[in-house]
């Protein structure tokens, strides 16, 4: 792993949001969902997330997640993804979502 200075890390804006809507994303090359995530004062932002292996669509609304919110938008199969939902490698090649272990205000910054 390469070292970075704190100022580099501080430029990455990670915030807590709540998934408010989920749709299948059949046009994506890899299995994915379209998510709409509420970041409180920062609004509802769309994201594409390859989390179909470990999460059912109907179980995701209401879940808190952590996302990078200051990357440029990325067009994925015609869908504009504005935030990068964070996760870690999990069982069987699936992605396990990162989330706070207690309720926090939507839009809270991760440090």
PDB file of N, CA and C in Angstrom:
ATOM      1  N   UNK A   1       0.844  -1.194   0.000  1.00  0.00           N
ATOM      2  CA  UNK A   1       0.000   0.000   0.000  1.00  0.00           C
ATOM      3  C   UNK A   1       0.877   1.241   0.000  1.00  0.00           C
ATOM      4  N   UNK A   2       0.508   2.177  -0.842  1.00  0.00           N
ATOM      5  CA  UNK A   2       1.258   3.424  -0.894  1.00  0.00           C
ATOM      6  C   UNK A   2       0.721   4.433   0.105  1.00  0.00           C
ATOM      7  N   UNK A   3       1.602   5.172   0.723  1.00  0.00           N
ATOM      8  CA  UNK A   3       1.206   6.180   1.705  1.00  0.00           C
ATOM      9  C   UNK A   3       0.720   7.437   0.989  1.00  0.00           C
ATOM     10  N   UNK A   4      -0.241   8.094   1.588  1.00  0.00           N
ATOM     11  CA  UNK A   4      -0.705   9.401   1.128  1.00  0.00           C
ATOM     12  C   UNK A   4      -0.631  10.351   2.310  1.00  0.00           C
ATOM     13  N   UNK A   5      -0.694  11.623   2.022  1.00  0.00           N
ATOM     14  CA  UNK A   5      -0.725  12.602   3.104  1.00  0.00           C
ATOM     15  C   UNK A   5      -2.177  12.849   3.496  1.00  0.00           C
ATOM     16  N   UNK A   6      -2.380  13.332   4.719  1.00  0.00           N
ATOM     17  CA  UNK A   6      -3.735  13.538   5.222  1.00  0.00           C
ATOM     18  C   UNK A   6      -4.546  14.462   4.314  1.00  0.00           C
ATOM     19  N   UNK A   7      -3.922  15.456   3.740  1.00  0.00           N
ATOM     20  CA  UNK A   7      -4.638  16.397   2.884  1.00  0.00           C
ATOM     21  C   UNK A   7      -5.282  15.687   1.694  1.00  0.00           C
ATOM     22  N   UNK A   8      -4.613  14.649   1.157  1.00  0.00           N
ATOM     23  CA  UNK A   8      -5.204  13.857   0.070  1.00  0.00           C
ATOM     24  C   UNK A   8      -6.464  13.151   0.553  1.00  0.00           C
ATOM     25  N   UNK A   9      -6.383  12.514   1.710  1.00  0.00           N
ATOM     26  CA  UNK A   9      -7.542  11.820   2.272  1.00  0.00           C
ATOM     27  C   UNK A   9      -8.684  12.797   2.539  1.00  0.00           C
ATOM     28  N   UNK A  10      -8.365  13.961   3.069  1.00  0.00           N
ATOM     29  CA  UNK A  10      -9.393  14.942   3.434  1.00  0.00           C
ATOM     30  C   UNK A  10     -10.165  15.448   2.220  1.00  0.00           C
ATOM     31  N   UNK A  11      -9.587  15.345   1.035  1.00  0.00           N
ATOM     32  CA  UNK A  11     -10.283  15.788  -0.177  1.00  0.00           C
ATOM     33  C   UNK A  11     -11.372  14.809  -0.601  1.00  0.00           C
ATOM     34  N   UNK A  12     -11.326  13.563  -0.115  1.00  0.00           N
ATOM     35  CA  UNK A  12     -12.350  12.575  -0.443  1.00  0.00           C
ATOM     36  C   UNK A  12     -13.531  12.800   0.499  1.00  0.00           C
ATOM     37  N   UNK A  13     -14.659  13.173  -0.080  1.00  0.00           N
ATOM     38  CA  UNK A  13     -15.847  13.469   0.720  1.00  0.00           C
ATOM     39  C   UNK A  13     -16.718  12.223   0.801  1.00  0.00           C
ATOM     40  N   UNK A  14     -16.726  11.603   1.982  1.00  0.00           N
ATOM     41  CA  UNK A  14     -17.576  10.431   2.222  1.00  0.00           C
ATOM     42  C   UNK A  14     -18.693  10.849   3.160  1.00  0.00           C
ATOM     43  N   UNK A  15     -19.928  10.502   2.768  1.00  0.00           N
ATOM     44  CA  UNK A  15     -21.080  10.894   3.568  1.00  0.00           C
ATOM     45  C   UNK A  15     -22.029   9.718   3.743  1.00  0.00           C
ATOM     46  N   UNK A  16     -22.848   9.806   4.779  1.00  0.00           N
ATOM     47  CA  UNK A  16     -23.852   8.786   5.078  1.00  0.00           C
ATOM     48  C   UNK A  16     -25.161   9.167   4.402  1.00  0.00           C
ATOM     49  N   UNK A  17     -25.765   8.195   3.746  1.00  0.00           N
ATOM     50  CA  UNK A  17     -27.061   8.409   3.119  1.00  0.00           C
ATOM     51  C   UNK A  17     -27.970   7.225   3.361  1.00  0.00           C
ATOM     52  N   UNK A  18     -29.245   7.409   3.041  1.00  0.00           N
ATOM     53  CA  UNK A  18     -30.239   6.341   3.192  1.00  0.00           C
ATOM     54  C   UNK A  18     -30.805   6.003   1.817  1.00  0.00           C
ATOM     55  N   UNK A  19     -30.767   4.727   1.485  1.00  0.00           N
ATOM     56  CA  UNK A  19     -31.340   4.279   0.212  1.00  0.00           C
ATOM     57  C   UNK A  19     -32.850   4.472   0.272  1.00  0.00           C
ATOM     58  N   UNK A  20     -33.384   5.202  -0.711  1.00  0.00           N
ATOM     59  CA  UNK A  20     -34.826   5.477  -0.723  1.00  0.00           C
ATOM     60  C   UNK A  20     -35.541   4.790  -1.889  1.00  0.00           C
ATOM     61  N   UNK A  21     -34.778   4.361  -2.892  1.00  0.00           N
ATOM     62  CA  UNK A  21     -35.390   3.708  -4.054  1.00  0.00           C
ATOM     63  C   UNK A  21     -34.366   2.788  -4.706  1.00  0.00           C
ATOM     64  N   UNK A  22     -34.847   1.651  -5.204  1.00  0.00           N
ATOM     65  CA  UNK A  22     -33.976   0.670  -5.856  1.00  0.00           C
ATOM     66  C   UNK A  22     -34.696   0.132  -7.085  1.00  0.00           C
ATOM     67  N   UNK A  23     -33.951   0.030  -8.191  1.00  0.00           N
ATOM     68  CA  UNK A  23     -34.490  -0.574  -9.410  1.00  0.00           C
ATOM     69  C   UNK A  23     -33.459  -1.552  -9.969  1.00  0.00           C
ATOM     70  N   UNK A  24     -33.943  -2.567 -10.666  1.00  0.00           N
ATOM     71  CA  UNK A  24     -33.037  -3.438 -11.401  1.00  0.00           C
ATOM     72  C   UNK A  24     -32.338  -2.612 -12.468  1.00  0.00           C
ATOM     73  N   UNK A  25     -31.153  -3.075 -12.897  1.00  0.00           N
ATOM     74  CA  UNK A  25     -30.383  -2.364 -13.912  1.00  0.00           C
ATOM     75  C   UNK A  25     -29.931  -3.373 -14.973  1.00  0.00           C
ATOM     76  N   UNK A  26     -30.868  -3.867 -15.783  1.00  0.00           N
ATOM     77  CA  UNK A  26     -30.531  -4.905 -16.756  1.00  0.00           C
ATOM     78  C   UNK A  26     -29.565  -4.450 -17.842  1.00  0.00           C
ATOM     79  N   UNK A  27     -29.440  -3.144 -18.104  1.00  0.00           N
ATOM     80  CA  UNK A  27     -28.538  -2.653 -19.152  1.00  0.00           C
ATOM     81  C   UNK A  27     -27.070  -2.651 -18.715  1.00  0.00           C
ATOM     82  N   UNK A  28     -26.798  -2.764 -17.431  1.00  0.00           N
ATOM     83  CA  UNK A  28     -25.417  -2.756 -16.933  1.00  0.00           C
ATOM     84  C   UNK A  28     -24.691  -4.023 -17.378  1.00  0.00           C
ATOM     85  N   UNK A  29     -23.387  -3.884 -17.662  1.00  0.00           N
ATOM     86  CA  UNK A  29     -22.589  -5.052 -18.073  1.00  0.00           C
ATOM     87  C   UNK A  29     -22.470  -6.085 -16.969  1.00  0.00           C
ATOM     88  N   UNK A  30     -22.278  -5.630 -15.750  1.00  0.00           N
ATOM     89  CA  UNK A  30     -22.226  -6.509 -14.577  1.00  0.00           C
ATOM     90  C   UNK A  30     -23.547  -6.349 -13.829  1.00  0.00           C
ATOM     91  N   UNK A  31     -24.055  -7.418 -13.201  1.00  0.00           N
ATOM     92  CA  UNK A  31     -25.312  -7.291 -12.455  1.00  0.00           C
ATOM     93  C   UNK A  31     -25.236  -6.148 -11.435  1.00  0.00           C
ATOM     94  N   UNK A  32     -26.230  -5.280 -11.472  1.00  0.00           N
ATOM     95  CA  UNK A  32     -26.220  -4.099 -10.614  1.00  0.00           C
ATOM     96  C   UNK A  32     -27.647  -3.633 -10.352  1.00  0.00           C
ATOM     97  N   UNK A  33     -27.771  -2.752  -9.367  1.00  0.00           N
ATOM     98  CA  UNK A  33     -29.021  -2.051  -9.095  1.00  0.00           C
ATOM     99  C   UNK A  33     -28.793  -0.566  -9.349  1.00  0.00           C
ATOM    100  N   UNK A  34     -29.877   0.135  -9.686  1.00  0.00           N
ATOM    101  CA  UNK A  34     -29.904   1.594  -9.657  1.00  0.00           C
ATOM    102  C   UNK A  34     -30.409   1.965  -8.271  1.00  0.00           C
ATOM    103  N   UNK A  35     -29.665   2.811  -7.587  1.00  0.00           N
ATOM    104  CA  UNK A  35     -30.050   3.258  -6.247  1.00  0.00           C
ATOM    105  C   UNK A  35     -30.267   4.761  -6.260  1.00  0.00           C
ATOM    106  N   UNK A  36     -31.190   5.215  -5.444  1.00  0.00           N
ATOM    107  CA  UNK A  36     -31.352   6.639  -5.164  1.00  0.00           C
ATOM    108  C   UNK A  36     -31.143   6.769  -3.664  1.00  0.00           C
ATOM    109  N   UNK A  37     -30.194   7.625  -3.281  1.00  0.00           N
ATOM    110  CA  UNK A  37     -29.755   7.722  -1.895  1.00  0.00           C
ATOM    111  C   UNK A  37     -29.983   9.142  -1.392  1.00  0.00           C
ATOM    112  N   UNK A  38     -30.635   9.263  -0.235  1.00  0.00           N
ATOM    113  CA  UNK A  38     -30.935  10.554   0.375  1.00  0.00           C
ATOM    114  C   UNK A  38     -29.790  10.949   1.302  1.00  0.00           C
ATOM    115  N   UNK A  39     -29.133  12.066   0.972  1.00  0.00           N
ATOM    116  CA  UNK A  39     -28.051  12.593   1.788  1.00  0.00           C
ATOM    117  C   UNK A  39     -28.499  13.830   2.565  1.00  0.00           C
ATOM    118  N   UNK A  40     -29.772  13.887   2.938  1.00  0.00           N
ATOM    119  CA  UNK A  40     -30.288  14.991   3.739  1.00  0.00           C
ATOM    120  C   UNK A  40     -30.101  16.318   3.038  1.00  0.00           C
ATOM    121  N   UNK A  41     -29.336  17.254   3.633  1.00  0.00           N
ATOM    122  CA  UNK A  41     -29.190  18.581   3.035  1.00  0.00           C
ATOM    123  C   UNK A  41     -28.477  18.563   1.681  1.00  0.00           C
ATOM    124  N   UNK A  42     -27.872  17.452   1.297  1.00  0.00           N
ATOM    125  CA  UNK A  42     -27.167  17.347   0.018  1.00  0.00           C
ATOM    126  C   UNK A  42     -28.034  16.710  -1.066  1.00  0.00           C
ATOM    127  N   UNK A  43     -29.277  16.409  -0.720  1.00  0.00           N
ATOM    128  CA  UNK A  43     -30.230  15.913  -1.703  1.00  0.00           C
ATOM    129  C   UNK A  43     -30.163  14.419  -1.962  1.00  0.00           C
ATOM    130  N   UNK A  44     -31.051  13.983  -2.844  1.00  0.00           N
ATOM    131  CA  UNK A  44     -31.116  12.577  -3.258  1.00  0.00           C
ATOM    132  C   UNK A  44     -30.249  12.434  -4.499  1.00  0.00           C
ATOM    133  N   UNK A  45     -29.318  11.482  -4.466  1.00  0.00           N
ATOM    134  CA  UNK A  45     -28.367  11.308  -5.556  1.00  0.00           C
ATOM    135  C   UNK A  45     -28.429   9.874  -6.073  1.00  0.00           C
ATOM    136  N   UNK A  46     -28.353   9.672  -7.379  1.00  0.00           N
ATOM    137  CA  UNK A  46     -28.402   8.328  -7.966  1.00  0.00           C
ATOM    138  C   UNK A  46     -27.028   7.651  -7.952  1.00  0.00           C
ATOM    139  N   UNK A  47     -27.059   6.319  -7.911  1.00  0.00           N
ATOM    140  CA  UNK A  47     -25.828   5.538  -7.975  1.00  0.00           C
ATOM    141  C   UNK A  47     -26.120   4.181  -8.585  1.00  0.00           C
ATOM    142  N   UNK A  48     -25.149   3.642  -9.282  1.00  0.00           N
ATOM    143  CA  UNK A  48     -25.203   2.264  -9.756  1.00  0.00           C
ATOM    144  C   UNK A  48     -24.330   1.447  -8.814  1.00  0.00           C
ATOM    145  N   UNK A  49     -24.833   0.321  -8.347  1.00  0.00           N
ATOM    146  CA  UNK A  49     -24.074  -0.482  -7.390  1.00  0.00           C
ATOM    147  C   UNK A  49     -24.164  -1.967  -7.739  1.00  0.00           C
ATOM    148  N   UNK A  50     -23.011  -2.606  -7.822  1.00  0.00           N
ATOM    149  CA  UNK A  50     -22.927  -4.040  -8.126  1.00  0.00           C
ATOM    150  C   UNK A  50     -23.014  -4.826  -6.824  1.00  0.00           C
ATOM    151  N   UNK A  51     -24.211  -4.863  -6.268  1.00  0.00           N
ATOM    152  CA  UNK A  51     -24.421  -5.495  -4.953  1.00  0.00           C
ATOM    153  C   UNK A  51     -25.502  -6.566  -5.015  1.00  0.00           C
ATOM    154  N   UNK A  52     -25.791  -7.048  -6.213  1.00  0.00           N
ATOM    155  CA  UNK A  52     -26.918  -7.979  -6.381  1.00  0.00           C
ATOM    156  C   UNK A  52     -26.650  -9.361  -5.802  1.00  0.00           C
ATOM    157  N   UNK A  53     -25.407  -9.727  -5.632  1.00  0.00           N
ATOM    158  CA  UNK A  53     -25.096 -11.074  -5.144  1.00  0.00           C
ATOM    159  C   UNK A  53     -25.515 -11.279  -3.691  1.00  0.00           C
ATOM    160  N   UNK A  54     -25.352 -10.253  -2.857  1.00  0.00           N
ATOM    161  CA  UNK A  54     -25.630 -10.402  -1.424  1.00  0.00           C
ATOM    162  C   UNK A  54     -26.870  -9.667  -0.937  1.00  0.00           C
ATOM    163  N   UNK A  55     -27.460  -8.816  -1.792  1.00  0.00           N
ATOM    164  CA  UNK A  55     -28.603  -8.010  -1.356  1.00  0.00           C
ATOM    165  C   UNK A  55     -29.770  -8.164  -2.315  1.00  0.00           C
ATOM    166  N   UNK A  56     -30.950  -8.363  -1.730  1.00  0.00           N
ATOM    167  CA  UNK A  56     -32.174  -8.381  -2.535  1.00  0.00           C
ATOM    168  C   UNK A  56     -32.692  -6.947  -2.625  1.00  0.00           C
ATOM    169  N   UNK A  57     -33.220  -6.629  -3.799  1.00  0.00           N
ATOM    170  CA  UNK A  57     -33.710  -5.279  -4.071  1.00  0.00           C
ATOM    171  C   UNK A  57     -34.674  -4.790  -2.991  1.00  0.00           C
ATOM    172  N   UNK A  58     -35.582  -5.641  -2.578  1.00  0.00           N
ATOM    173  CA  UNK A  58     -36.615  -5.222  -1.616  1.00  0.00           C
ATOM    174  C   UNK A  58     -36.071  -5.016  -0.198  1.00  0.00           C
ATOM    175  N   UNK A  59     -34.857  -5.493   0.091  1.00  0.00           N
ATOM    176  CA  UNK A  59     -34.274  -5.326   1.422  1.00  0.00           C
ATOM    177  C   UNK A  59     -33.440  -4.051   1.556  1.00  0.00           C
ATOM    178  N   UNK A  60     -33.212  -3.337   0.478  1.00  0.00           N
ATOM    179  CA  UNK A  60     -32.304  -2.191   0.507  1.00  0.00           C
ATOM    180  C   UNK A  60     -32.932  -0.858   0.913  1.00  0.00           C
ATOM    181  N   UNK A  61     -34.182  -0.545   0.529  1.00  0.00           N
ATOM    182  CA  UNK A  61     -34.733   0.749   0.954  1.00  0.00           C
ATOM    183  C   UNK A  61     -34.728   0.886   2.478  1.00  0.00           C
ATOM    184  N   UNK A  62     -34.271   2.051   2.937  1.00  0.00           N
ATOM    185  CA  UNK A  62     -34.191   2.318   4.372  1.00  0.00           C
ATOM    186  C   UNK A  62     -32.816   2.055   4.953  1.00  0.00           C
ATOM    187  N   UNK A  63     -31.955   1.375   4.233  1.00  0.00           N
ATOM    188  CA  UNK A  63     -30.623   1.039   4.730  1.00  0.00           C
ATOM    189  C   UNK A  63     -29.693   2.247   4.622  1.00  0.00           C
ATOM    190  N   UNK A  64     -28.917   2.483   5.689  1.00  0.00           N
ATOM    191  CA  UNK A  64     -27.880   3.503   5.645  1.00  0.00           C
ATOM    192  C   UNK A  64     -26.668   2.956   4.901  1.00  0.00           C
ATOM    193  N   UNK A  65     -26.001   3.812   4.139  1.00  0.00           N
ATOM    194  CA  UNK A  65     -24.784   3.445   3.426  1.00  0.00           C
ATOM    195  C   UNK A  65     -23.785   4.594   3.525  1.00  0.00           C
ATOM    196  N   UNK A  66     -22.539   4.286   3.200  1.00  0.00           N
ATOM    197  CA  UNK A  66     -21.493   5.300   3.105  1.00  0.00           C
ATOM    198  C   UNK A  66     -21.116   5.402   1.634  1.00  0.00           C
ATOM    199  N   UNK A  67     -20.989   6.630   1.140  1.00  0.00           N
ATOM    200  CA  UNK A  67     -20.660   6.833  -0.277  1.00  0.00           C
ATOM    201  C   UNK A  67     -19.704   8.004  -0.437  1.00  0.00           C
ATOM    202  N   UNK A  68     -18.883   7.930  -1.482  1.00  0.00           N
ATOM    203  CA  UNK A  68     -18.056   9.070  -1.877  1.00  0.00           C
ATOM    204  C   UNK A  68     -18.954   9.977  -2.709  1.00  0.00           C
ATOM    205  N   UNK A  69     -19.042  11.234  -2.302  1.00  0.00           N
ATOM    206  CA  UNK A  69     -20.010  12.144  -2.921  1.00  0.00           C
ATOM    207  C   UNK A  69     -19.377  13.243  -3.771  1.00  0.00           C
ATOM    208  N   UNK A  70     -18.049  13.283  -3.865  1.00  0.00           N
ATOM    209  CA  UNK A  70     -17.450  14.364  -4.646  1.00  0.00           C
ATOM    210  C   UNK A  70     -16.632  13.860  -5.841  1.00  0.00           C
ATOM    211  N   UNK A  71     -16.958  12.701  -6.358  1.00  0.00           N
ATOM    212  CA  UNK A  71     -16.406  12.250  -7.627  1.00  0.00           C
ATOM    213  C   UNK A  71     -17.255  12.832  -8.756  1.00  0.00           C
ATOM    214  N   UNK A  72     -16.692  12.992  -9.943  1.00  0.00           N
ATOM    215  CA  UNK A  72     -17.523  13.469 -11.050  1.00  0.00           C
ATOM    216  C   UNK A  72     -18.568  12.412 -11.427  1.00  0.00           C
ATOM    217  N   UNK A  73     -19.725  12.825 -11.926  1.00  0.00           N
ATOM    218  CA  UNK A  73     -20.733  11.847 -12.355  1.00  0.00           C
ATOM    219  C   UNK A  73     -20.164  10.912 -13.410  1.00  0.00           C
ATOM    220  N   UNK A  74     -20.658   9.665 -13.403  1.00  0.00           N
ATOM    221  CA  UNK A  74     -20.201   8.666 -14.368  1.00  0.00           C
ATOM    222  C   UNK A  74     -21.422   8.070 -15.059  1.00  0.00           C
ATOM    223  N   UNK A  75     -21.386   8.034 -16.397  1.00  0.00           N
ATOM    224  CA  UNK A  75     -22.496   7.461 -17.166  1.00  0.00           C
ATOM    225  C   UNK A  75     -22.238   5.959 -17.312  1.00  0.00           C
ATOM    226  N   UNK A  76     -23.213   5.168 -16.872  1.00  0.00           N
ATOM    227  CA  UNK A  76     -23.127   3.713 -16.940  1.00  0.00           C
ATOM    228  C   UNK A  76     -24.356   3.214 -17.669  1.00  0.00           C
ATOM    229  N   UNK A  77     -24.164   2.702 -18.864  1.00  0.00           N
ATOM    230  CA  UNK A  77     -25.269   2.171 -19.677  1.00  0.00           C
ATOM    231  C   UNK A  77     -26.448   3.141 -19.739  1.00  0.00           C
ATOM    232  N   UNK A  78     -26.133   4.436 -19.959  1.00  0.00           N
ATOM    233  CA  UNK A  78     -27.173   5.440 -20.088  1.00  0.00           C
ATOM    234  C   UNK A  78     -27.685   6.021 -18.784  1.00  0.00           C
ATOM    235  N   UNK A  79     -27.209   5.526 -17.645  1.00  0.00           N
ATOM    236  CA  UNK A  79     -27.640   5.985 -16.325  1.00  0.00           C
ATOM    237  C   UNK A  79     -26.511   6.804 -15.713  1.00  0.00           C
ATOM    238  N   UNK A  80     -26.826   7.971 -15.170  1.00  0.00           N
ATOM    239  CA  UNK A  80     -25.802   8.811 -14.563  1.00  0.00           C
ATOM    240  C   UNK A  80     -25.703   8.493 -13.074  1.00  0.00           C
ATOM    241  N   UNK A  81     -24.552   7.963 -12.686  1.00  0.00           N
ATOM    242  CA  UNK A  81     -24.261   7.638 -11.291  1.00  0.00           C
ATOM    243  C   UNK A  81     -23.476   8.796 -10.698  1.00  0.00           C
ATOM    244  N   UNK A  82     -24.011   9.407  -9.640  1.00  0.00           N
ATOM    245  CA  UNK A  82     -23.399  10.613  -9.069  1.00  0.00           C
ATOM    246  C   UNK A  82     -22.570  10.353  -7.823  1.00  0.00           C
ATOM    247  N   UNK A  83     -22.729   9.190  -7.196  1.00  0.00           N
ATOM    248  CA  UNK A  83     -21.969   8.865  -5.987  1.00  0.00           C
ATOM    249  C   UNK A  83     -21.470   7.426  -6.089  1.00  0.00           C
ATOM    250  N   UNK A  84     -20.394   7.135  -5.369  1.00  0.00           N
ATOM    251  CA  UNK A  84     -19.823   5.799  -5.326  1.00  0.00           C
ATOM    252  C   UNK A  84     -20.124   5.181  -3.964  1.00  0.00           C
ATOM    253  N   UNK A  85     -21.011   4.201  -3.936  1.00  0.00           N
ATOM    254  CA  UNK A  85     -21.358   3.508  -2.703  1.00  0.00           C
ATOM    255  C   UNK A  85     -20.173   2.624  -2.319  1.00  0.00           C
ATOM    256  N   UNK A  86     -19.780   2.663  -1.049  1.00  0.00           N
ATOM    257  CA  UNK A  86     -18.600   1.936  -0.603  1.00  0.00           C
ATOM    258  C   UNK A  86     -18.951   0.573  -0.023  1.00  0.00           C
ATOM    259  N   UNK A  87     -18.090  -0.387  -0.310  1.00  0.00           N
ATOM    260  CA  UNK A  87     -18.252  -1.736   0.206  1.00  0.00           C
ATOM    261  C   UNK A  87     -16.918  -2.455   0.210  1.00  0.00           C
ATOM    262  N   UNK A  88     -16.926  -3.659   0.742  1.00  0.00           N
ATOM    263  CA  UNK A  88     -15.726  -4.490   0.800  1.00  0.00           C
ATOM    264  C   UNK A  88     -16.034  -5.848   0.192  1.00  0.00           C
ATOM    265  N   UNK A  89     -14.981  -6.535  -0.263  1.00  0.00           N
ATOM    266  CA  UNK A  89     -15.159  -7.884  -0.794  1.00  0.00           C
ATOM    267  C   UNK A  89     -15.750  -8.775   0.285  1.00  0.00           C
ATOM    268  N   UNK A  90     -16.787  -9.508  -0.093  1.00  0.00           N
ATOM    269  CA  UNK A  90     -17.447 -10.393   0.839  1.00  0.00           C
ATOM    270  C   UNK A  90     -17.437 -11.818   0.334  1.00  0.00           C
ATOM    271  N   UNK A  91     -18.286 -12.633   0.907  1.00  0.00           N
ATOM    272  CA  UNK A  91     -18.327 -14.037   0.521  1.00  0.00           C
ATOM    273  C   UNK A  91     -18.754 -14.232  -0.934  1.00  0.00           C
ATOM    274  N   UNK A  92     -18.194 -15.236  -1.565  1.00  0.00           N
ATOM    275  CA  UNK A  92     -18.575 -15.639  -2.917  1.00  0.00           C
ATOM    276  C   UNK A  92     -18.469 -14.495  -3.928  1.00  0.00           C
ATOM    277  N   UNK A  93     -17.525 -13.586  -3.730  1.00  0.00           N
ATOM    278  CA  UNK A  93     -17.328 -12.503  -4.677  1.00  0.00           C
ATOM    279  C   UNK A  93     -18.329 -11.378  -4.570  1.00  0.00           C
ATOM    280  N   UNK A  94     -19.178 -11.386  -3.578  1.00  0.00           N
ATOM    281  CA  UNK A  94     -20.154 -10.314  -3.399  1.00  0.00           C
ATOM    282  C   UNK A  94     -19.544  -9.112  -2.703  1.00  0.00           C
ATOM    283  N   UNK A  95     -20.265  -8.014  -2.741  1.00  0.00           N
ATOM    284  CA  UNK A  95     -19.834  -6.775  -2.080  1.00  0.00           C
ATOM    285  C   UNK A  95     -20.688  -6.577  -0.829  1.00  0.00           C
ATOM    286  N   UNK A  96     -20.021  -6.338   0.306  1.00  0.00           N
ATOM    287  CA  UNK A  96     -20.690  -6.039   1.569  1.00  0.00           C
ATOM    288  C   UNK A  96     -20.661  -4.530   1.757  1.00  0.00           C
ATOM    289  N   UNK A  97     -21.824  -3.919   1.885  1.00  0.00           N
ATOM    290  CA  UNK A  97     -21.924  -2.462   2.015  1.00  0.00           C
ATOM    291  C   UNK A  97     -21.357  -1.966   3.340  1.00  0.00           C
ATOM    292  N   UNK A  98     -20.687  -0.816   3.293  1.00  0.00           N
ATOM    293  CA  UNK A  98     -20.247  -0.145   4.513  1.00  0.00           C
ATOM    294  C   UNK A  98     -21.400   0.706   5.027  1.00  0.00           C
ATOM    295  N   UNK A  99     -21.574   0.691   6.339  1.00  0.00           N
ATOM    296  CA  UNK A  99     -22.629   1.506   6.943  1.00  0.00           C
ATOM    297  C   UNK A  99     -22.296   1.776   8.397  1.00  0.00           C
ATOM    298  N   UNK A 100     -22.819   2.886   8.940  1.00  0.00           N
ATOM    299  CA  UNK A 100     -22.595   3.152  10.370  1.00  0.00           C
ATOM    300  C   UNK A 100     -23.375   2.142  11.206  1.00  0.00           C
ATOM    301  N   UNK A 101     -22.904   1.890  12.428  1.00  0.00           N
ATOM    302  CA  UNK A 101     -23.600   0.915  13.268  1.00  0.00           C
ATOM    303  C   UNK A 101     -24.619   1.558  14.202  1.00  0.00           C
ATOM    304  N   UNK A 102     -24.909   2.842  13.957  1.00  0.00           N
ATOM    305  CA  UNK A 102     -25.960   3.546  14.699  1.00  0.00           C
ATOM    306  C   UNK A 102     -26.583   4.575  13.752  1.00  0.00           C
ATOM    307  N   UNK A 103     -27.792   5.014  14.078  1.00  0.00           N
ATOM    308  CA  UNK A 103     -28.440   6.064  13.291  1.00  0.00           C
ATOM    309  C   UNK A 103     -27.645   7.359  13.428  1.00  0.00           C
ATOM    310  N   UNK A 104     -27.391   7.998  12.305  1.00  0.00           N
ATOM    311  CA  UNK A 104     -26.727   9.304  12.286  1.00  0.00           C
ATOM    312  C   UNK A 104     -27.488  10.183  11.303  1.00  0.00           C
ATOM    313  N   UNK A 105     -27.234  11.462  11.379  1.00  0.00           N
ATOM    314  CA  UNK A 105     -27.910  12.403  10.476  1.00  0.00           C
ATOM    315  C   UNK A 105     -27.499  12.128   9.040  1.00  0.00           C
ATOM    316  N   UNK A 106     -28.493  12.162   8.130  1.00  0.00           N
ATOM    317  CA  UNK A 106     -28.191  11.994   6.714  1.00  0.00           C
ATOM    318  C   UNK A 106     -27.278  13.120   6.248  1.00  0.00           C
ATOM    319  N   UNK A 107     -26.286  12.769   5.472  1.00  0.00           N
ATOM    320  CA  UNK A 107     -25.310  13.743   5.001  1.00  0.00           C
ATOM    321  C   UNK A 107     -24.110  13.881   5.915  1.00  0.00           C
ATOM    322  N   UNK A 108     -24.106  13.161   7.060  1.00  0.00           N
ATOM    323  CA  UNK A 108     -22.965  13.234   7.966  1.00  0.00           C
ATOM    324  C   UNK A 108     -21.685  12.851   7.239  1.00  0.00           C
ATOM    325  N   UNK A 109     -20.620  13.577   7.510  1.00  0.00           N
ATOM    326  CA  UNK A 109     -19.342  13.314   6.848  1.00  0.00           C
ATOM    327  C   UNK A 109     -18.579  12.227   7.609  1.00  0.00           C
ATOM    328  N   UNK A 110     -17.924  11.384   6.859  1.00  0.00           N
ATOM    329  CA  UNK A 110     -17.075  10.326   7.415  1.00  0.00           C
ATOM    330  C   UNK A 110     -15.662  10.859   7.478  1.00  0.00           C
ATOM    331  N   UNK A 111     -15.019  10.728   8.638  1.00  0.00           N
ATOM    332  CA  UNK A 111     -13.636  11.201   8.821  1.00  0.00           C
ATOM    333  C   UNK A 111     -12.755  10.040   9.172  1.00  0.00           C
TER     334      UNK A 111
END
